[in-house]
Every structure is written in structure tokens, then in C-alpha cells.
PDB file of N, CA and C in Angstrom:
ATOM      1  N   MET A   1       1.282 -12.084   5.723  1.00  0.00           N
ATOM      2  CA  MET A   1       1.708 -11.240   4.615  1.00  0.00           C
ATOM      3  C   MET A   1       2.103  -9.876   5.156  1.00  0.00           C
ATOM      4  N   ASN A   2       3.203  -9.357   4.627  1.00  0.00           N
ATOM      5  CA  ASN A   2       3.657  -8.014   4.978  1.00  0.00           C
ATOM      6  C   ASN A   2       3.755  -7.199   3.680  1.00  0.00           C
ATOM      7  N   VAL A   3       3.249  -5.979   3.710  1.00  0.00           N
ATOM      8  CA  VAL A   3       3.263  -5.096   2.535  1.00  0.00           C
ATOM      9  C   VAL A   3       4.070  -3.855   2.884  1.00  0.00           C
ATOM     10  N   THR A   4       4.979  -3.488   1.977  1.00  0.00           N
ATOM     11  CA  THR A   4       5.807  -2.304   2.180  1.00  0.00           C
ATOM     12  C   THR A   4       5.724  -1.411   0.955  1.00  0.00           C
ATOM     13  N   ILE A   5       5.608  -0.108   1.183  1.00  0.00           N
ATOM     14  CA  ILE A   5       5.583   0.881   0.098  1.00  0.00           C
ATOM     15  C   ILE A   5       6.854   1.721   0.183  1.00  0.00           C
ATOM     16  N   ASP A   6       7.554   1.858  -0.936  1.00  0.00           N
ATOM     17  CA  ASP A   6       8.693   2.776  -1.003  1.00  0.00           C
ATOM     18  C   ASP A   6       8.117   4.150  -1.324  1.00  0.00           C
ATOM     19  N   ARG A   7       7.766   4.888  -0.292  1.00  0.00           N
ATOM     20  CA  ARG A   7       7.079   6.165  -0.480  1.00  0.00           C
ATOM     21  C   ARG A   7       7.957   7.219  -1.142  1.00  0.00           C
ATOM     22  N   VAL A   8       9.273   7.088  -1.047  1.00  0.00           N
ATOM     23  CA  VAL A   8      10.189   8.045  -1.667  1.00  0.00           C
ATOM     24  C   VAL A   8      10.077   7.984  -3.193  1.00  0.00           C
ATOM     25  N   THR A   9       9.790   6.801  -3.708  1.00  0.00           N
ATOM     26  CA  THR A   9       9.718   6.594  -5.156  1.00  0.00           C
ATOM     27  C   THR A   9       8.286   6.662  -5.694  1.00  0.00           C
ATOM     28  N   CYS A  10       7.305   6.750  -4.819  1.00  0.00           N
ATOM     29  CA  CYS A  10       5.895   6.806  -5.214  1.00  0.00           C
ATOM     30  C   CYS A  10       5.644   8.001  -6.143  1.00  0.00           C
ATOM     31  N   VAL A  11       4.846   7.758  -7.187  1.00  0.00           N
ATOM     32  CA  VAL A  11       4.495   8.831  -8.119  1.00  0.00           C
ATOM     33  C   VAL A  11       3.052   9.298  -7.915  1.00  0.00           C
ATOM     34  N   SER A  12       2.405   8.791  -6.892  1.00  0.00           N
ATOM     35  CA  SER A  12       1.051   9.193  -6.512  1.00  0.00           C
ATOM     36  C   SER A  12       0.028   9.025  -7.631  1.00  0.00           C
ATOM     37  N   CYS A  13       0.147   7.917  -8.357  1.00  0.00           N
ATOM     38  CA  CYS A  13      -0.801   7.669  -9.455  1.00  0.00           C
ATOM     39  C   CYS A  13      -2.148   7.173  -8.960  1.00  0.00           C
ATOM     40  N   GLY A  14      -2.161   6.554  -7.769  1.00  0.00           N
ATOM     41  CA  GLY A  14      -3.406   6.069  -7.194  1.00  0.00           C
ATOM     42  C   GLY A  14      -3.808   4.679  -7.611  1.00  0.00           C
ATOM     43  N   SER A  15      -2.992   3.979  -8.385  1.00  0.00           N
ATOM     44  CA  SER A  15      -3.384   2.642  -8.842  1.00  0.00           C
ATOM     45  C   SER A  15      -3.545   1.672  -7.671  1.00  0.00           C
ATOM     46  N   CYS A  16      -2.702   1.784  -6.650  1.00  0.00           N
ATOM     47  CA  CYS A  16      -2.837   0.885  -5.497  1.00  0.00           C
ATOM     48  C   CYS A  16      -4.118   1.186  -4.724  1.00  0.00           C
ATOM     49  N   ARG A  17      -4.426   2.458  -4.601  1.00  0.00           N
ATOM     50  CA  ARG A  17      -5.647   2.850  -3.886  1.00  0.00           C
ATOM     51  C   ARG A  17      -6.885   2.384  -4.636  1.00  0.00           C
ATOM     52  N   GLY A  18      -6.811   2.408  -5.954  1.00  0.00           N
ATOM     53  CA  GLY A  18      -7.932   1.925  -6.756  1.00  0.00           C
ATOM     54  C   GLY A  18      -8.097   0.422  -6.684  1.00  0.00           C
ATOM     55  N   ALA A  19      -6.972  -0.299  -6.639  1.00  0.00           N
ATOM     56  CA  ALA A  19      -7.014  -1.760  -6.605  1.00  0.00           C
ATOM     57  C   ALA A  19      -7.358  -2.310  -5.231  1.00  0.00           C
ATOM     58  N   CYS A  20      -6.950  -1.598  -4.187  1.00  0.00           N
ATOM     59  CA  CYS A  20      -7.141  -2.118  -2.830  1.00  0.00           C
ATOM     60  C   CYS A  20      -7.370  -0.964  -1.840  1.00  0.00           C
ATOM     61  N   PRO A  21      -8.517  -0.306  -1.952  1.00  0.00           N
ATOM     62  CA  PRO A  21      -8.773   0.871  -1.120  1.00  0.00           C
ATOM     63  C   PRO A  21      -8.860   0.587   0.375  1.00  0.00           C
ATOM     64  N   GLY A  22      -9.075  -0.645   0.756  1.00  0.00           N
ATOM     65  CA  GLY A  22      -9.113  -0.975   2.174  1.00  0.00           C
ATOM     66  C   GLY A  22      -7.742  -0.974   2.820  1.00  0.00           C
ATOM     67  N   LEU A  23      -6.694  -1.125   2.005  1.00  0.00           N
ATOM     68  CA  LEU A  23      -5.327  -1.209   2.512  1.00  0.00           C
ATOM     69  C   LEU A  23      -4.511   0.048   2.244  1.00  0.00           C
ATOM     70  N   PHE A  24      -4.763   0.692   1.111  1.00  0.00           N
ATOM     71  CA  PHE A  24      -3.982   1.866   0.721  1.00  0.00           C
ATOM     72  C   PHE A  24      -4.846   3.122   0.738  1.00  0.00           C
ATOM     73  N   GLU A  25      -4.232   4.236   1.113  1.00  0.00           N
ATOM     74  CA  GLU A  25      -4.912   5.518   1.101  1.00  0.00           C
ATOM     75  C   GLU A  25      -3.904   6.597   0.722  1.00  0.00           C
ATOM     76  N   GLU A  26      -4.413   7.767   0.369  1.00  0.00           N
ATOM     77  CA  GLU A  26      -3.548   8.904   0.031  1.00  0.00           C
ATOM     78  C   GLU A  26      -3.188   9.662   1.293  1.00  0.00           C
ATOM     79  N   ASN A  27      -1.916   9.950   1.459  1.00  0.00           N
ATOM     80  CA  ASN A  27      -1.472  10.762   2.583  1.00  0.00           C
ATOM     81  C   ASN A  27      -1.909  12.201   2.321  1.00  0.00           C
ATOM     82  N   PRO A  28      -2.643  12.818   3.245  1.00  0.00           N
ATOM     83  CA  PRO A  28      -3.157  14.169   3.003  1.00  0.00           C
ATOM     84  C   PRO A  28      -2.072  15.255   2.960  1.00  0.00           C
ATOM     85  N   ASP A  29      -0.920  14.973   3.508  1.00  0.00           N
ATOM     86  CA  ASP A  29       0.150  15.973   3.550  1.00  0.00           C
ATOM     87  C   ASP A  29       1.023  15.991   2.305  1.00  0.00           C
ATOM     88  N   ASP A  30       1.296  14.807   1.727  1.00  0.00           N
ATOM     89  CA  ASP A  30       2.205  14.773   0.572  1.00  0.00           C
ATOM     90  C   ASP A  30       1.607  14.101  -0.664  1.00  0.00           C
ATOM     91  N   SER A  31       0.405  13.598  -0.584  1.00  0.00           N
ATOM     92  CA  SER A  31      -0.358  12.947  -1.656  1.00  0.00           C
ATOM     93  C   SER A  31       0.186  11.589  -2.087  1.00  0.00           C
ATOM     94  N   PHE A  32       1.207  11.080  -1.411  1.00  0.00           N
ATOM     95  CA  PHE A  32       1.717   9.752  -1.745  1.00  0.00           C
ATOM     96  C   PHE A  32       0.885   8.692  -1.030  1.00  0.00           C
ATOM     97  N   SER A  33       0.941   7.472  -1.540  1.00  0.00           N
ATOM     98  CA  SER A  33       0.180   6.385  -0.935  1.00  0.00           C
ATOM     99  C   SER A  33       0.793   5.960   0.385  1.00  0.00           C
ATOM    100  N   GLN A  34      -0.076   5.470   1.253  1.00  0.00           N
ATOM    101  CA  GLN A  34       0.345   4.933   2.539  1.00  0.00           C
ATOM    102  C   GLN A  34      -0.607   3.805   2.924  1.00  0.00           C
ATOM    103  N   ILE A  35      -0.205   3.030   3.922  1.00  0.00           N
ATOM    104  CA  ILE A  35      -1.056   1.964   4.446  1.00  0.00           C
ATOM    105  C   ILE A  35      -2.114   2.605   5.351  1.00  0.00           C
ATOM    106  N   THR A  36      -3.351   2.129   5.262  1.00  0.00           N
ATOM    107  CA  THR A  36      -4.396   2.654   6.142  1.00  0.00           C
ATOM    108  C   THR A  36      -4.053   2.345   7.600  1.00  0.00           C
ATOM    109  N   GLY A  37      -4.476   3.202   8.486  1.00  0.00           N
ATOM    110  CA  GLY A  37      -4.131   3.105   9.899  1.00  0.00           C
ATOM    111  C   GLY A  37      -4.418   1.755  10.526  1.00  0.00           C
ATOM    112  N   LYS A  38      -5.499   1.140  10.153  1.00  0.00           N
ATOM    113  CA  LYS A  38      -5.932  -0.130  10.736  1.00  0.00           C
ATOM    114  C   LYS A  38      -4.910  -1.246  10.522  1.00  0.00           C
ATOM    115  N   PHE A  39      -4.164  -1.176   9.419  1.00  0.00           N
ATOM    116  CA  PHE A  39      -3.263  -2.277   9.062  1.00  0.00           C
ATOM    117  C   PHE A  39      -1.782  -1.935   9.169  1.00  0.00           C
ATOM    118  N   ARG A  40      -1.440  -0.763   9.681  1.00  0.00           N
ATOM    119  CA  ARG A  40      -0.031  -0.360   9.808  1.00  0.00           C
ATOM    120  C   ARG A  40       0.706  -1.226  10.816  1.00  0.00           C
ATOM    121  N   SER A  41       1.975  -1.459  10.526  1.00  0.00           N
ATOM    122  CA  SER A  41       2.845  -2.171  11.453  1.00  0.00           C
ATOM    123  C   SER A  41       3.546  -1.151  12.347  1.00  0.00           C
ATOM    124  N   ASN A  42       3.260  -1.208  13.627  1.00  0.00           N
ATOM    125  CA  ASN A  42       3.871  -0.296  14.605  1.00  0.00           C
ATOM    126  C   ASN A  42       3.716   1.170  14.225  1.00  0.00           C
ATOM    127  N   GLY A  43       2.601   1.529  13.610  1.00  0.00           N
ATOM    128  CA  GLY A  43       2.342   2.917  13.255  1.00  0.00           C
ATOM    129  C   GLY A  43       3.084   3.410  12.027  1.00  0.00           C
ATOM    130  N   ASN A  44       3.835   2.538  11.370  1.00  0.00           N
ATOM    131  CA  ASN A  44       4.610   2.905  10.182  1.00  0.00           C
ATOM    132  C   ASN A  44       3.675   3.033   8.980  1.00  0.00           C
ATOM    133  N   ILE A  45       3.591   4.217   8.389  1.00  0.00           N
ATOM    134  CA  ILE A  45       2.673   4.450   7.272  1.00  0.00           C
ATOM    135  C   ILE A  45       3.098   3.734   5.992  1.00  0.00           C
ATOM    136  N   ALA A  46       4.334   3.239   5.941  1.00  0.00           N
ATOM    137  CA  ALA A  46       4.843   2.579   4.740  1.00  0.00           C
ATOM    138  C   ALA A  46       4.858   1.057   4.841  1.00  0.00           C
ATOM    139  N   GLU A  47       4.402   0.509   5.958  1.00  0.00           N
ATOM    140  CA  GLU A  47       4.445  -0.943   6.139  1.00  0.00           C
ATOM    141  C   GLU A  47       3.206  -1.423   6.875  1.00  0.00           C
ATOM    142  N   GLY A  48       2.681  -2.573   6.428  1.00  0.00           N
ATOM    143  CA  GLY A  48       1.496  -3.086   7.088  1.00  0.00           C
ATOM    144  C   GLY A  48       1.238  -4.544   6.848  1.00  0.00           C
ATOM    145  N   THR A  49       0.267  -5.057   7.590  1.00  0.00           N
ATOM    146  CA  THR A  49      -0.145  -6.452   7.483  1.00  0.00           C
ATOM    147  C   THR A  49      -1.649  -6.474   7.236  1.00  0.00           C
ATOM    148  N   PRO A  50      -2.060  -6.729   5.992  1.00  0.00           N
ATOM    149  CA  PRO A  50      -3.492  -6.719   5.678  1.00  0.00           C
ATOM    150  C   PRO A  50      -4.204  -7.950   6.219  1.00  0.00           C
ATOM    151  N   SER A  51      -5.486  -7.820   6.415  1.00  0.00           N
ATOM    152  CA  SER A  51      -6.303  -8.962   6.804  1.00  0.00           C
ATOM    153  C   SER A  51      -6.418  -9.903   5.606  1.00  0.00           C
ATOM    154  N   GLY A  52      -6.816 -11.122   5.879  1.00  0.00           N
ATOM    155  CA  GLY A  52      -6.892 -12.150   4.843  1.00  0.00           C
ATOM    156  C   GLY A  52      -7.694 -11.762   3.615  1.00  0.00           C
ATOM    157  N   GLU A  53      -8.810 -11.066   3.822  1.00  0.00           N
ATOM    158  CA  GLU A  53      -9.655 -10.705   2.679  1.00  0.00           C
ATOM    159  C   GLU A  53      -9.026  -9.634   1.789  1.00  0.00           C
ATOM    160  N   LEU A  54      -7.976  -8.965   2.261  1.00  0.00           N
ATOM    161  CA  LEU A  54      -7.312  -7.936   1.453  1.00  0.00           C
ATOM    162  C   LEU A  54      -6.022  -8.426   0.784  1.00  0.00           C
ATOM    163  N   GLU A  55      -5.625  -9.655   1.063  1.00  0.00           N
ATOM    164  CA  GLU A  55      -4.365 -10.146   0.514  1.00  0.00           C
ATOM    165  C   GLU A  55      -4.370 -10.191  -1.016  1.00  0.00           C
ATOM    166  N   GLU A  56      -5.458 -10.642  -1.608  1.00  0.00           N
ATOM    167  CA  GLU A  56      -5.509 -10.732  -3.070  1.00  0.00           C
ATOM    168  C   GLU A  56      -5.432  -9.349  -3.716  1.00  0.00           C
ATOM    169  N   CYS A  57      -6.174  -8.376  -3.186  1.00  0.00           N
ATOM    170  CA  CYS A  57      -6.121  -7.052  -3.795  1.00  0.00           C
ATOM    171  C   CYS A  57      -4.780  -6.370  -3.514  1.00  0.00           C
ATOM    172  N   ALA A  58      -4.112  -6.722  -2.413  1.00  0.00           N
ATOM    173  CA  ALA A  58      -2.771  -6.181  -2.148  1.00  0.00           C
ATOM    174  C   ALA A  58      -1.800  -6.672  -3.218  1.00  0.00           C
ATOM    175  N   ARG A  59      -1.905  -7.940  -3.582  1.00  0.00           N
ATOM    176  CA  ARG A  59      -1.059  -8.490  -4.656  1.00  0.00           C
ATOM    177  C   ARG A  59      -1.386  -7.816  -5.996  1.00  0.00           C
ATOM    178  N   ASP A  60      -2.665  -7.596  -6.244  1.00  0.00           N
ATOM    179  CA  ASP A  60      -3.070  -6.895  -7.470  1.00  0.00           C
ATOM    180  C   ASP A  60      -2.481  -5.491  -7.500  1.00  0.00           C
ATOM    181  N   ALA A  61      -2.530  -4.796  -6.379  1.00  0.00           N
ATOM    182  CA  ALA A  61      -1.989  -3.435  -6.295  1.00  0.00           C
ATOM    183  C   ALA A  61      -0.494  -3.425  -6.591  1.00  0.00           C
ATOM    184  N   ALA A  62       0.225  -4.410  -6.050  1.00  0.00           N
ATOM    185  CA  ALA A  62       1.667  -4.494  -6.301  1.00  0.00           C
ATOM    186  C   ALA A  62       1.951  -4.714  -7.784  1.00  0.00           C
ATOM    187  N   GLU A  63       1.156  -5.560  -8.428  1.00  0.00           N
ATOM    188  CA  GLU A  63       1.335  -5.827  -9.855  1.00  0.00           C
ATOM    189  C   GLU A  63       0.993  -4.613 -10.706  1.00  0.00           C
ATOM    190  N   LEU A  64      -0.031  -3.871 -10.314  1.00  0.00           N
ATOM    191  CA  LEU A  64      -0.489  -2.726 -11.093  1.00  0.00           C
ATOM    192  C   LEU A  64       0.371  -1.479 -10.934  1.00  0.00           C
ATOM    193  N   CYS A  65       1.147  -1.400  -9.876  1.00  0.00           N
ATOM    194  CA  CYS A  65       1.949  -0.204  -9.616  1.00  0.00           C
ATOM    195  C   CYS A  65       2.926   0.041 -10.778  1.00  0.00           C
ATOM    196  N   PRO A  66       2.813   1.190 -11.443  1.00  0.00           N
ATOM    197  CA  PRO A  66       3.661   1.439 -12.620  1.00  0.00           C
ATOM    198  C   PRO A  66       5.143   1.612 -12.294  1.00  0.00           C
ATOM    199  N   VAL A  67       5.459   1.932 -11.053  1.00  0.00           N
ATOM    200  CA  VAL A  67       6.874   2.102 -10.672  1.00  0.00           C
ATOM    201  C   VAL A  67       7.352   0.978  -9.741  1.00  0.00           C
ATOM    202  N   GLN A  68       6.502  -0.031  -9.549  1.00  0.00           N
ATOM    203  CA  GLN A  68       6.849  -1.253  -8.801  1.00  0.00           C
ATOM    204  C   GLN A  68       7.476  -0.962  -7.427  1.00  0.00           C
ATOM    205  N   ILE A  69       6.793  -0.148  -6.636  1.00  0.00           N
ATOM    206  CA  ILE A  69       7.323   0.227  -5.319  1.00  0.00           C
ATOM    207  C   ILE A  69       6.647  -0.482  -4.164  1.00  0.00           C
ATOM    208  N   ILE A  70       5.741  -1.405  -4.458  1.00  0.00           N
ATOM    209  CA  ILE A  70       5.053  -2.143  -3.421  1.00  0.00           C
ATOM    210  C   ILE A  70       5.670  -3.537  -3.334  1.00  0.00           C
ATOM    211  N   SER A  71       6.197  -3.858  -2.161  1.00  0.00           N
ATOM    212  CA  SER A  71       6.814  -5.160  -1.925  1.00  0.00           C
ATOM    213  C   SER A  71       5.924  -5.992  -1.012  1.00  0.00           C
ATOM    214  N   ILE A  72       5.835  -7.266  -1.332  1.00  0.00           N
ATOM    215  CA  ILE A  72       5.042  -8.174  -0.529  1.00  0.00           C
ATOM    216  C   ILE A  72       5.914  -9.348  -0.106  1.00  0.00           C
ATOM    217  N   SER A  73       5.863  -9.663   1.179  1.00  0.00           N
ATOM    218  CA  SER A  73       6.553 -10.849   1.674  1.00  0.00           C
ATOM    219  C   SER A  73       5.571 -11.673   2.484  1.00  0.00           C
ATOM    220  N   ASP A  74       5.719 -12.963   2.402  1.00  0.00           N
ATOM    221  CA  ASP A  74       4.805 -13.865   3.113  1.00  0.00           C
ATOM    222  C   ASP A  74       5.420 -14.373   4.400  1.00  0.00           C
TER     223      ASP A  74
END
């Protein structure tokens, strides 16, 4: 599974962080959501590969996002 966040369109509501705090965190510089360091792809804060136990909450986060900026591909 690959998860991507369109950080340009993020409204920083925190719904993804609430649904899946192990995968998403708030960027301290701009307050937008980003992938936690442990799961980033090549250091990219907007793209990552969660561990198996986080896949379900990653899907929940994508569904809950009010601006639908989280993309998931298998």
C-alpha cells in the first residue's frame, strides 16, 4: 500500500491524524499533515508506505478527509 497526501490542498483539520496517528502527523512548520518519518518513502513527507497494522486506519483517514486529499494505491 502506498499513501499520498496532497499537502498543497490540505486544510489542516487533523481528521487523518485523529484516525491514524501512527501514520499521519502535523508538520511543525506549516501545520499541514504529513507522513510520519518511520513510514516515508525516500524521505518524502507527502508519501509513505504504512505497516500492515496501519493499513485499515490509513483507509479510514482517506475516507474521513473532508477535502479528499489522501490517495491510496495498492
